[in-house]
Amino acid sequence: MQANGHTPDNHVALLAYRTTSIWVFLPFNLTVKPLSNTRVFMGDAGSTFLGCPVAIAVIHLTQSSDAVIQPATALWLVAIPLMDMTSTMFRRVSKGKSPFHADRTHLHHILMRAGFNQRQALLAIVLAASVLAGIGIFLERVWPQAEVVSFGLFVLVFALYFEFIFKHAFRFAKTIRRLGAGRLSR
């Protein structure tokens, strides 16, 4: 047991409890029968509810005496939420608004503007997040001594995301729509 009374198993259990509580929202929001007419929206408080334990877990998994992953790998694991949050806040500030001002400029809004329905946007985001997480894990497992390479590649991917989603989000959405994303919903 550690000096603070918490064992690594306690942290894993707490994360598992939090993850389980989140699963309650999925049937309501993914149109699972018989709940297809019901929606439960977590909003800003829900984002904070989700983000805080993820941040704590990332810090614990990378910085504690029980660290199991490198800090650069952790960036890959949270890449999509991190990049989406950063680009959205920069976009708001560049328009003279508070970075906390509500709008429809998050990645899922951009994908829906491109012609994706809610499920397709969710699937695209989960797929992108999984690919990026897989890249980070692959880099750590194959070349663990080169964390700087992993970090450099992450910065490059972040810069590309920022270029297309921050600077050209609506042009990106129009291009996707023209390429036929709307046909996906048929």
N, C-alpha and C. Protein backbone atom coordinates (compact mmCIF):
# COMPACT_ATOMS: atom_id res chain seq x y z
N MET A 1 0.84 -1.18 0.00
CA MET A 1 0.00 0.00 0.00
C MET A 1 0.89 1.24 0.00
N GLN A 2 0.49 2.25 -0.73
CA GLN A 2 1.25 3.48 -0.79
C GLN A 2 0.96 4.34 0.43
N ALA A 3 1.80 5.35 0.63
CA ALA A 3 1.68 6.21 1.80
C ALA A 3 0.33 6.91 1.88
N ASN A 4 -0.27 7.23 0.75
CA ASN A 4 -1.55 7.94 0.77
C ASN A 4 -2.74 7.01 0.98
N GLY A 5 -2.50 5.72 1.14
CA GLY A 5 -3.57 4.77 1.39
C GLY A 5 -4.21 4.21 0.12
N HIS A 6 -3.73 4.65 -1.04
CA HIS A 6 -4.29 4.18 -2.30
C HIS A 6 -3.34 3.19 -2.94
N THR A 7 -3.86 2.11 -3.41
CA THR A 7 -3.06 1.16 -4.17
C THR A 7 -3.38 1.35 -5.64
N PRO A 8 -2.52 0.87 -6.53
CA PRO A 8 -2.83 0.96 -7.96
C PRO A 8 -4.16 0.29 -8.29
N ASP A 9 -4.49 -0.80 -7.57
CA ASP A 9 -5.76 -1.48 -7.81
C ASP A 9 -6.95 -0.58 -7.50
N ASN A 10 -6.83 0.27 -6.48
CA ASN A 10 -7.91 1.21 -6.15
C ASN A 10 -8.13 2.18 -7.30
N HIS A 11 -7.05 2.65 -7.93
CA HIS A 11 -7.17 3.59 -9.04
C HIS A 11 -7.84 2.91 -10.24
N VAL A 12 -7.46 1.70 -10.50
CA VAL A 12 -8.05 0.95 -11.61
C VAL A 12 -9.53 0.70 -11.32
N ALA A 13 -9.86 0.35 -10.10
CA ALA A 13 -11.25 0.11 -9.73
C ALA A 13 -12.08 1.38 -9.88
N LEU A 14 -11.53 2.51 -9.43
CA LEU A 14 -12.25 3.78 -9.54
C LEU A 14 -12.49 4.13 -11.01
N LEU A 15 -11.49 3.92 -11.85
CA LEU A 15 -11.64 4.18 -13.28
C LEU A 15 -12.69 3.23 -13.89
N ALA A 16 -12.70 1.99 -13.46
CA ALA A 16 -13.68 1.02 -13.94
C ALA A 16 -15.10 1.42 -13.52
N TYR A 17 -15.27 1.89 -12.29
CA TYR A 17 -16.58 2.35 -11.83
C TYR A 17 -17.06 3.55 -12.65
N ARG A 18 -16.15 4.46 -12.91
CA ARG A 18 -16.52 5.66 -13.69
C ARG A 18 -16.90 5.25 -15.11
N THR A 19 -16.13 4.35 -15.71
CA THR A 19 -16.42 3.89 -17.06
C THR A 19 -17.78 3.20 -17.11
N THR A 20 -18.07 2.39 -16.13
CA THR A 20 -19.36 1.69 -16.07
C THR A 20 -20.51 2.69 -15.98
N SER A 21 -20.33 3.73 -15.19
CA SER A 21 -21.41 4.72 -15.06
C SER A 21 -21.65 5.45 -16.37
N ILE A 22 -20.62 5.59 -17.19
CA ILE A 22 -20.78 6.26 -18.48
C ILE A 22 -21.59 5.40 -19.45
N TRP A 23 -21.41 4.09 -19.36
CA TRP A 23 -22.14 3.18 -20.25
C TRP A 23 -23.65 3.32 -20.12
N VAL A 24 -24.12 3.83 -18.99
CA VAL A 24 -25.56 4.04 -18.80
C VAL A 24 -26.11 5.01 -19.84
N PHE A 25 -25.32 5.97 -20.26
CA PHE A 25 -25.78 6.98 -21.21
C PHE A 25 -25.87 6.45 -22.64
N LEU A 26 -25.10 5.45 -22.99
CA LEU A 26 -25.05 4.99 -24.38
C LEU A 26 -26.38 4.50 -24.93
N PRO A 27 -27.12 3.64 -24.22
CA PRO A 27 -28.38 3.19 -24.81
C PRO A 27 -29.35 4.34 -25.10
N PHE A 28 -29.29 5.40 -24.30
CA PHE A 28 -30.17 6.54 -24.50
C PHE A 28 -29.75 7.40 -25.69
N ASN A 29 -28.48 7.40 -26.01
CA ASN A 29 -27.99 8.30 -27.05
C ASN A 29 -27.63 7.62 -28.36
N LEU A 30 -27.66 6.31 -28.40
CA LEU A 30 -27.35 5.60 -29.64
C LEU A 30 -28.59 4.94 -30.23
N THR A 31 -29.74 5.43 -29.87
CA THR A 31 -31.04 4.96 -30.37
C THR A 31 -31.17 3.44 -30.30
N VAL A 32 -30.96 2.92 -29.12
CA VAL A 32 -31.15 1.50 -28.86
C VAL A 32 -32.61 1.29 -28.48
N LYS A 33 -33.27 0.36 -29.14
CA LYS A 33 -34.67 0.07 -28.82
C LYS A 33 -34.75 -0.53 -27.43
N PRO A 34 -35.69 -0.26 -26.62
CA PRO A 34 -36.89 0.59 -26.76
C PRO A 34 -36.64 2.03 -26.33
N LEU A 35 -35.41 2.43 -26.15
CA LEU A 35 -35.09 3.76 -25.64
C LEU A 35 -34.82 4.78 -26.75
N SER A 36 -35.21 4.47 -27.98
CA SER A 36 -34.82 5.29 -29.12
C SER A 36 -35.43 6.69 -29.11
N ASN A 37 -36.49 6.91 -28.37
CA ASN A 37 -37.10 8.25 -28.32
C ASN A 37 -36.62 9.07 -27.14
N THR A 38 -35.72 8.52 -26.35
CA THR A 38 -35.23 9.19 -25.15
C THR A 38 -33.79 9.64 -25.37
N ARG A 39 -33.50 10.86 -24.92
CA ARG A 39 -32.14 11.37 -25.01
C ARG A 39 -31.71 11.88 -23.63
N VAL A 40 -30.48 11.59 -23.28
CA VAL A 40 -29.90 12.11 -22.05
C VAL A 40 -28.62 12.82 -22.48
N PHE A 41 -28.55 14.11 -22.21
CA PHE A 41 -27.42 14.91 -22.66
C PHE A 41 -26.60 15.33 -21.45
N MET A 42 -25.30 15.04 -21.48
CA MET A 42 -24.45 15.34 -20.33
C MET A 42 -24.01 16.80 -20.29
N GLY A 43 -23.82 17.44 -21.42
CA GLY A 43 -23.45 18.85 -21.47
C GLY A 43 -22.07 19.13 -20.92
N ASP A 44 -21.85 20.40 -20.52
CA ASP A 44 -20.55 20.82 -20.01
C ASP A 44 -20.18 20.09 -18.73
N ALA A 45 -21.14 19.91 -17.86
CA ALA A 45 -20.85 19.19 -16.61
C ALA A 45 -20.44 17.76 -16.92
N GLY A 46 -21.05 17.17 -17.93
CA GLY A 46 -20.67 15.81 -18.32
C GLY A 46 -19.27 15.75 -18.90
N SER A 47 -18.90 16.77 -19.68
CA SER A 47 -17.54 16.81 -20.21
C SER A 47 -16.53 16.91 -19.08
N THR A 48 -16.83 17.73 -18.10
CA THR A 48 -15.95 17.86 -16.94
C THR A 48 -15.92 16.55 -16.17
N PHE A 49 -17.08 15.92 -16.01
CA PHE A 49 -17.20 14.64 -15.33
C PHE A 49 -16.32 13.58 -16.01
N LEU A 50 -16.27 13.61 -17.34
CA LEU A 50 -15.45 12.65 -18.08
C LEU A 50 -13.99 13.06 -18.15
N GLY A 51 -13.74 14.33 -18.36
CA GLY A 51 -12.37 14.80 -18.56
C GLY A 51 -11.50 14.73 -17.33
N CYS A 52 -12.06 15.03 -16.18
CA CYS A 52 -11.27 15.03 -14.95
C CYS A 52 -10.68 13.66 -14.64
N PRO A 53 -11.46 12.59 -14.60
CA PRO A 53 -10.85 11.28 -14.32
C PRO A 53 -9.91 10.80 -15.42
N VAL A 54 -10.18 11.19 -16.67
CA VAL A 54 -9.25 10.82 -17.74
C VAL A 54 -7.92 11.51 -17.51
N ALA A 55 -7.94 12.80 -17.18
CA ALA A 55 -6.70 13.53 -16.90
C ALA A 55 -5.97 12.92 -15.71
N ILE A 56 -6.71 12.60 -14.65
CA ILE A 56 -6.09 11.99 -13.47
C ILE A 56 -5.48 10.64 -13.84
N ALA A 57 -6.19 9.85 -14.62
CA ALA A 57 -5.67 8.53 -15.03
C ALA A 57 -4.41 8.68 -15.87
N VAL A 58 -4.43 9.64 -16.81
CA VAL A 58 -3.25 9.85 -17.66
C VAL A 58 -2.06 10.27 -16.82
N ILE A 59 -2.27 11.18 -15.89
CA ILE A 59 -1.17 11.61 -15.01
C ILE A 59 -0.66 10.44 -14.19
N HIS A 60 -1.57 9.68 -13.62
CA HIS A 60 -1.17 8.54 -12.80
C HIS A 60 -0.43 7.48 -13.63
N LEU A 61 -0.95 7.19 -14.81
CA LEU A 61 -0.35 6.15 -15.64
C LEU A 61 1.01 6.54 -16.22
N THR A 62 1.30 7.85 -16.25
CA THR A 62 2.57 8.29 -16.83
C THR A 62 3.57 8.83 -15.80
N GLN A 63 3.09 9.31 -14.65
CA GLN A 63 3.99 10.02 -13.73
C GLN A 63 4.18 9.36 -12.36
N SER A 64 3.34 8.42 -12.02
CA SER A 64 3.45 7.81 -10.69
C SER A 64 4.58 6.78 -10.66
N SER A 65 4.84 6.27 -9.48
CA SER A 65 5.84 5.21 -9.35
C SER A 65 5.37 3.93 -10.05
N ASP A 66 4.06 3.84 -10.33
CA ASP A 66 3.49 2.70 -11.03
C ASP A 66 3.28 2.99 -12.51
N ALA A 67 3.99 3.96 -13.06
CA ALA A 67 3.80 4.37 -14.46
C ALA A 67 3.91 3.18 -15.40
N VAL A 68 2.94 3.10 -16.31
CA VAL A 68 2.92 1.97 -17.25
C VAL A 68 3.06 2.42 -18.70
N ILE A 69 2.92 3.73 -18.95
CA ILE A 69 3.09 4.25 -20.31
C ILE A 69 3.92 5.52 -20.28
N GLN A 70 4.47 5.85 -21.42
CA GLN A 70 5.25 7.07 -21.55
C GLN A 70 4.31 8.27 -21.75
N PRO A 71 4.72 9.46 -21.35
CA PRO A 71 3.88 10.65 -21.54
C PRO A 71 3.48 10.88 -23.01
N ALA A 72 4.39 10.63 -23.94
CA ALA A 72 4.05 10.83 -25.35
C ALA A 72 2.96 9.86 -25.79
N THR A 73 2.99 8.65 -25.27
CA THR A 73 1.94 7.67 -25.59
C THR A 73 0.59 8.14 -25.06
N ALA A 74 0.59 8.73 -23.88
CA ALA A 74 -0.66 9.25 -23.31
C ALA A 74 -1.28 10.31 -24.21
N LEU A 75 -0.46 11.13 -24.85
CA LEU A 75 -0.99 12.13 -25.79
C LEU A 75 -1.72 11.46 -26.94
N TRP A 76 -1.15 10.37 -27.45
CA TRP A 76 -1.82 9.64 -28.53
C TRP A 76 -3.14 9.05 -28.06
N LEU A 77 -3.22 8.61 -26.80
CA LEU A 77 -4.44 7.99 -26.28
C LEU A 77 -5.59 8.99 -26.16
N VAL A 78 -5.27 10.25 -25.93
CA VAL A 78 -6.32 11.28 -25.79
C VAL A 78 -6.25 12.28 -26.94
N ALA A 79 -5.70 11.88 -28.07
CA ALA A 79 -5.43 12.80 -29.18
C ALA A 79 -6.67 13.53 -29.69
N ILE A 80 -7.71 12.81 -30.04
CA ILE A 80 -8.89 13.46 -30.64
C ILE A 80 -9.54 14.44 -29.67
N PRO A 81 -9.85 14.05 -28.42
CA PRO A 81 -10.43 15.06 -27.52
C PRO A 81 -9.50 16.25 -27.28
N LEU A 82 -8.21 15.99 -27.16
CA LEU A 82 -7.25 17.06 -26.93
C LEU A 82 -7.18 18.01 -28.14
N MET A 83 -7.09 17.46 -29.32
CA MET A 83 -7.01 18.29 -30.52
C MET A 83 -8.32 19.03 -30.76
N ASP A 84 -9.45 18.37 -30.55
CA ASP A 84 -10.75 19.01 -30.74
C ASP A 84 -10.94 20.16 -29.76
N MET A 85 -10.62 19.92 -28.49
CA MET A 85 -10.76 20.96 -27.48
C MET A 85 -9.87 22.16 -27.80
N THR A 86 -8.62 21.89 -28.14
CA THR A 86 -7.67 22.96 -28.42
C THR A 86 -8.09 23.78 -29.63
N SER A 87 -8.43 23.11 -30.73
CA SER A 87 -8.81 23.85 -31.94
C SER A 87 -10.11 24.62 -31.73
N THR A 88 -11.05 24.04 -31.00
CA THR A 88 -12.31 24.73 -30.73
C THR A 88 -12.08 25.98 -29.89
N MET A 89 -11.25 25.85 -28.87
CA MET A 89 -10.98 27.02 -28.02
C MET A 89 -10.23 28.11 -28.79
N PHE A 90 -9.25 27.73 -29.61
CA PHE A 90 -8.54 28.71 -30.43
C PHE A 90 -9.49 29.40 -31.40
N ARG A 91 -10.40 28.63 -32.00
CA ARG A 91 -11.36 29.20 -32.95
C ARG A 91 -12.24 30.23 -32.25
N ARG A 92 -12.69 29.91 -31.06
CA ARG A 92 -13.54 30.84 -30.31
C ARG A 92 -12.78 32.12 -29.96
N VAL A 93 -11.57 31.98 -29.45
CA VAL A 93 -10.76 33.14 -29.08
C VAL A 93 -10.45 33.99 -30.31
N SER A 94 -10.17 33.36 -31.45
CA SER A 94 -9.85 34.11 -32.67
C SER A 94 -11.05 34.91 -33.16
N LYS A 95 -12.25 34.51 -32.77
CA LYS A 95 -13.47 35.26 -33.12
C LYS A 95 -13.85 36.26 -32.04
N GLY A 96 -12.98 36.42 -31.03
CA GLY A 96 -13.24 37.39 -29.98
C GLY A 96 -14.22 36.90 -28.92
N LYS A 97 -14.45 35.59 -28.84
CA LYS A 97 -15.38 35.03 -27.86
C LYS A 97 -14.61 34.32 -26.76
N SER A 98 -15.30 34.06 -25.69
CA SER A 98 -14.71 33.29 -24.60
C SER A 98 -14.38 31.88 -25.10
N PRO A 99 -13.27 31.30 -24.65
CA PRO A 99 -12.97 29.92 -25.06
C PRO A 99 -14.01 28.92 -24.54
N PHE A 100 -14.84 29.36 -23.59
CA PHE A 100 -15.87 28.49 -23.01
C PHE A 100 -17.25 28.76 -23.59
N HIS A 101 -17.34 29.64 -24.58
CA HIS A 101 -18.60 29.97 -25.23
C HIS A 101 -19.12 28.77 -26.02
N ALA A 102 -20.36 28.44 -25.85
CA ALA A 102 -20.95 27.30 -26.57
C ALA A 102 -21.14 27.65 -28.04
N ASP A 103 -20.83 26.71 -28.92
CA ASP A 103 -21.06 26.88 -30.35
C ASP A 103 -21.10 25.50 -31.00
N ARG A 104 -21.15 25.48 -32.30
CA ARG A 104 -21.21 24.23 -33.04
C ARG A 104 -19.97 24.05 -33.91
N THR A 105 -18.80 24.14 -33.27
CA THR A 105 -17.56 24.01 -34.03
C THR A 105 -16.71 22.82 -33.60
N HIS A 106 -17.27 21.95 -32.79
CA HIS A 106 -16.54 20.73 -32.41
C HIS A 106 -16.48 19.79 -33.61
N LEU A 107 -15.59 18.84 -33.56
CA LEU A 107 -15.38 17.91 -34.66
C LEU A 107 -16.67 17.21 -35.09
N HIS A 108 -17.48 16.77 -34.13
CA HIS A 108 -18.70 16.06 -34.53
C HIS A 108 -19.66 16.99 -35.26
N HIS A 109 -19.69 18.28 -34.92
CA HIS A 109 -20.53 19.23 -35.65
C HIS A 109 -20.01 19.41 -37.08
N ILE A 110 -18.70 19.47 -37.22
CA ILE A 110 -18.10 19.62 -38.55
C ILE A 110 -18.42 18.40 -39.41
N LEU A 111 -18.31 17.21 -38.83
CA LEU A 111 -18.63 15.99 -39.58
C LEU A 111 -20.11 15.94 -39.95
N MET A 112 -20.98 16.38 -39.06
CA MET A 112 -22.41 16.38 -39.37
C MET A 112 -22.72 17.43 -40.46
N ARG A 113 -22.02 18.55 -40.44
CA ARG A 113 -22.17 19.55 -41.49
C ARG A 113 -21.69 18.98 -42.83
N ALA A 114 -20.76 18.02 -42.77
CA ALA A 114 -20.24 17.39 -43.98
C ALA A 114 -21.18 16.32 -44.53
N GLY A 115 -22.25 16.02 -43.81
CA GLY A 115 -23.23 15.06 -44.31
C GLY A 115 -23.33 13.77 -43.52
N PHE A 116 -22.51 13.61 -42.50
CA PHE A 116 -22.60 12.42 -41.66
C PHE A 116 -23.81 12.56 -40.73
N ASN A 117 -24.45 11.44 -40.42
CA ASN A 117 -25.46 11.49 -39.36
C ASN A 117 -24.74 11.29 -38.02
N GLN A 118 -25.48 11.31 -36.92
CA GLN A 118 -24.84 11.24 -35.60
C GLN A 118 -24.03 9.97 -35.41
N ARG A 119 -24.59 8.85 -35.81
CA ARG A 119 -23.87 7.58 -35.66
C ARG A 119 -22.60 7.54 -36.50
N GLN A 120 -22.69 8.02 -37.73
CA GLN A 120 -21.52 8.02 -38.61
C GLN A 120 -20.43 8.94 -38.08
N ALA A 121 -20.83 10.10 -37.56
CA ALA A 121 -19.85 11.02 -36.97
C ALA A 121 -19.18 10.36 -35.76
N LEU A 122 -19.98 9.73 -34.92
CA LEU A 122 -19.43 9.03 -33.76
C LEU A 122 -18.48 7.92 -34.20
N LEU A 123 -18.89 7.14 -35.17
CA LEU A 123 -18.04 6.06 -35.68
C LEU A 123 -16.74 6.60 -36.26
N ALA A 124 -16.80 7.69 -37.01
CA ALA A 124 -15.60 8.28 -37.59
C ALA A 124 -14.65 8.76 -36.50
N ILE A 125 -15.20 9.39 -35.46
CA ILE A 125 -14.38 9.89 -34.36
C ILE A 125 -13.76 8.74 -33.58
N VAL A 126 -14.55 7.72 -33.28
CA VAL A 126 -14.03 6.56 -32.55
C VAL A 126 -12.95 5.85 -33.38
N LEU A 127 -13.19 5.74 -34.67
CA LEU A 127 -12.20 5.10 -35.54
C LEU A 127 -10.90 5.91 -35.57
N ALA A 128 -11.00 7.22 -35.73
CA ALA A 128 -9.81 8.08 -35.75
C ALA A 128 -9.08 8.01 -34.41
N ALA A 129 -9.83 8.06 -33.31
CA ALA A 129 -9.21 7.99 -31.97
C ALA A 129 -8.52 6.64 -31.78
N SER A 130 -9.13 5.57 -32.26
CA SER A 130 -8.54 4.23 -32.13
C SER A 130 -7.27 4.11 -32.95
N VAL A 131 -7.28 4.65 -34.16
CA VAL A 131 -6.09 4.60 -35.01
C VAL A 131 -4.96 5.38 -34.35
N LEU A 132 -5.24 6.58 -33.85
CA LEU A 132 -4.21 7.39 -33.22
C LEU A 132 -3.68 6.73 -31.95
N ALA A 133 -4.58 6.16 -31.14
CA ALA A 133 -4.14 5.45 -29.93
C ALA A 133 -3.27 4.25 -30.32
N GLY A 134 -3.68 3.55 -31.37
CA GLY A 134 -2.90 2.41 -31.85
C GLY A 134 -1.51 2.82 -32.31
N ILE A 135 -1.41 3.97 -32.97
CA ILE A 135 -0.10 4.47 -33.39
C ILE A 135 0.78 4.74 -32.18
N GLY A 136 0.21 5.39 -31.17
CA GLY A 136 0.99 5.69 -29.96
C GLY A 136 1.47 4.43 -29.26
N ILE A 137 0.58 3.45 -29.12
CA ILE A 137 0.94 2.20 -28.46
C ILE A 137 1.98 1.45 -29.29
N PHE A 138 1.78 1.43 -30.61
CA PHE A 138 2.75 0.77 -31.50
C PHE A 138 4.13 1.40 -31.36
N LEU A 139 4.18 2.73 -31.39
CA LEU A 139 5.48 3.41 -31.27
C LEU A 139 6.16 3.09 -29.94
N GLU A 140 5.40 3.04 -28.86
CA GLU A 140 5.99 2.73 -27.56
C GLU A 140 6.49 1.30 -27.50
N ARG A 141 5.74 0.37 -28.06
CA ARG A 141 6.12 -1.05 -27.99
C ARG A 141 7.28 -1.38 -28.93
N VAL A 142 7.28 -0.78 -30.11
CA VAL A 142 8.31 -1.10 -31.10
C VAL A 142 9.60 -0.33 -30.85
N TRP A 143 9.49 0.91 -30.40
CA TRP A 143 10.65 1.77 -30.27
C TRP A 143 10.57 2.56 -28.97
N PRO A 144 10.56 1.86 -27.82
CA PRO A 144 10.31 2.52 -26.54
C PRO A 144 11.37 3.55 -26.15
N GLN A 145 12.58 3.42 -26.64
CA GLN A 145 13.63 4.36 -26.27
C GLN A 145 13.52 5.68 -27.03
N ALA A 146 12.66 5.78 -28.00
CA ALA A 146 12.56 6.98 -28.84
C ALA A 146 11.26 7.73 -28.56
N GLU A 147 11.05 8.10 -27.31
CA GLU A 147 9.84 8.84 -26.96
C GLU A 147 9.78 10.18 -27.67
N VAL A 148 10.93 10.77 -27.93
CA VAL A 148 10.97 12.06 -28.63
C VAL A 148 10.44 11.92 -30.05
N VAL A 149 10.67 10.78 -30.69
CA VAL A 149 10.12 10.53 -32.02
C VAL A 149 8.60 10.45 -31.95
N SER A 150 8.09 9.73 -30.97
CA SER A 150 6.64 9.62 -30.78
C SER A 150 6.03 11.00 -30.55
N PHE A 151 6.67 11.79 -29.70
CA PHE A 151 6.17 13.15 -29.43
C PHE A 151 6.22 14.01 -30.69
N GLY A 152 7.31 13.91 -31.44
CA GLY A 152 7.44 14.67 -32.68
C GLY A 152 6.36 14.31 -33.69
N LEU A 153 6.08 13.02 -33.84
CA LEU A 153 5.02 12.58 -34.75
C LEU A 153 3.66 13.06 -34.27
N PHE A 154 3.45 13.05 -32.94
CA PHE A 154 2.19 13.56 -32.40
C PHE A 154 2.03 15.05 -32.74
N VAL A 155 3.09 15.82 -32.57
CA VAL A 155 3.03 17.25 -32.89
C VAL A 155 2.72 17.45 -34.37
N LEU A 156 3.30 16.62 -35.23
CA LEU A 156 3.02 16.70 -36.66
C LEU A 156 1.55 16.41 -36.95
N VAL A 157 1.01 15.34 -36.36
CA VAL A 157 -0.40 15.00 -36.55
C VAL A 157 -1.29 16.12 -36.01
N PHE A 158 -0.92 16.66 -34.86
CA PHE A 158 -1.68 17.77 -34.27
C PHE A 158 -1.66 18.97 -35.22
N ALA A 159 -0.52 19.27 -35.81
CA ALA A 159 -0.42 20.40 -36.74
C ALA A 159 -1.30 20.18 -37.97
N LEU A 160 -1.32 18.95 -38.49
CA LEU A 160 -2.18 18.65 -39.64
C LEU A 160 -3.66 18.78 -39.27
N TYR A 161 -4.03 18.26 -38.12
CA TYR A 161 -5.41 18.39 -37.64
C TYR A 161 -5.76 19.87 -37.51
N PHE A 162 -4.87 20.61 -36.88
CA PHE A 162 -5.10 22.04 -36.67
C PHE A 162 -5.26 22.77 -38.00
N GLU A 163 -4.45 22.41 -38.98
CA GLU A 163 -4.52 23.06 -40.30
C GLU A 163 -5.87 22.80 -40.96
N PHE A 164 -6.31 21.54 -40.95
CA PHE A 164 -7.54 21.21 -41.65
C PHE A 164 -8.80 21.54 -40.85
N ILE A 165 -8.77 21.31 -39.56
CA ILE A 165 -9.99 21.49 -38.76
C ILE A 165 -10.10 22.90 -38.20
N PHE A 166 -9.02 23.49 -37.78
CA PHE A 166 -9.11 24.85 -37.23
C PHE A 166 -9.21 25.89 -38.34
N LYS A 167 -8.26 25.85 -39.26
CA LYS A 167 -8.21 26.90 -40.28
C LYS A 167 -9.24 26.71 -41.38
N HIS A 168 -9.52 25.47 -41.73
CA HIS A 168 -10.35 25.21 -42.91
C HIS A 168 -11.50 24.26 -42.59
N ALA A 169 -12.10 24.37 -41.43
CA ALA A 169 -13.13 23.42 -41.00
C ALA A 169 -14.31 23.36 -41.97
N PHE A 170 -14.79 24.51 -42.38
CA PHE A 170 -15.98 24.52 -43.21
C PHE A 170 -15.67 24.12 -44.64
N ARG A 171 -14.48 24.48 -45.12
CA ARG A 171 -14.04 24.02 -46.44
C ARG A 171 -13.85 22.50 -46.41
N PHE A 172 -13.29 21.98 -45.30
CA PHE A 172 -13.11 20.55 -45.10
C PHE A 172 -14.47 19.84 -45.15
N ALA A 173 -15.47 20.41 -44.46
CA ALA A 173 -16.81 19.83 -44.44
C ALA A 173 -17.43 19.83 -45.84
N LYS A 174 -17.26 20.92 -46.59
CA LYS A 174 -17.80 20.98 -47.95
C LYS A 174 -17.14 19.94 -48.85
N THR A 175 -15.83 19.77 -48.71
CA THR A 175 -15.11 18.79 -49.52
C THR A 175 -15.60 17.38 -49.22
N ILE A 176 -15.76 17.07 -47.95
CA ILE A 176 -16.27 15.75 -47.56
C ILE A 176 -17.68 15.55 -48.14
N ARG A 177 -18.52 16.57 -48.03
CA ARG A 177 -19.88 16.47 -48.55
C ARG A 177 -19.86 16.23 -50.06
N ARG A 178 -18.98 16.95 -50.77
CA ARG A 178 -18.87 16.77 -52.22
C ARG A 178 -18.38 15.37 -52.58
N LEU A 179 -17.52 14.81 -51.75
CA LEU A 179 -16.99 13.47 -52.02
C LEU A 179 -18.00 12.38 -51.75
N GLY A 180 -19.14 12.74 -51.18
CA GLY A 180 -20.20 11.76 -51.04
C GLY A 180 -20.49 11.25 -49.64
N ALA A 181 -20.10 11.98 -48.61
CA ALA A 181 -20.42 11.52 -47.25
C ALA A 181 -21.92 11.43 -47.05
N GLY A 182 -22.68 12.27 -47.75
CA GLY A 182 -24.13 12.23 -47.64
C GLY A 182 -24.72 10.92 -48.11
N ARG A 183 -24.00 10.27 -49.05
CA ARG A 183 -24.48 8.98 -49.55
C ARG A 183 -24.36 7.90 -48.49
N LEU A 184 -23.53 8.13 -47.46
CA LEU A 184 -23.36 7.14 -46.39
C LEU A 184 -24.64 6.92 -45.62
N SER A 185 -25.48 7.94 -45.54
CA SER A 185 -26.68 7.84 -44.70
C SER A 185 -27.80 7.06 -45.36
N ARG A 186 -27.61 6.68 -46.60
CA ARG A 186 -28.68 5.92 -47.28
C ARG A 186 -28.67 4.48 -46.90
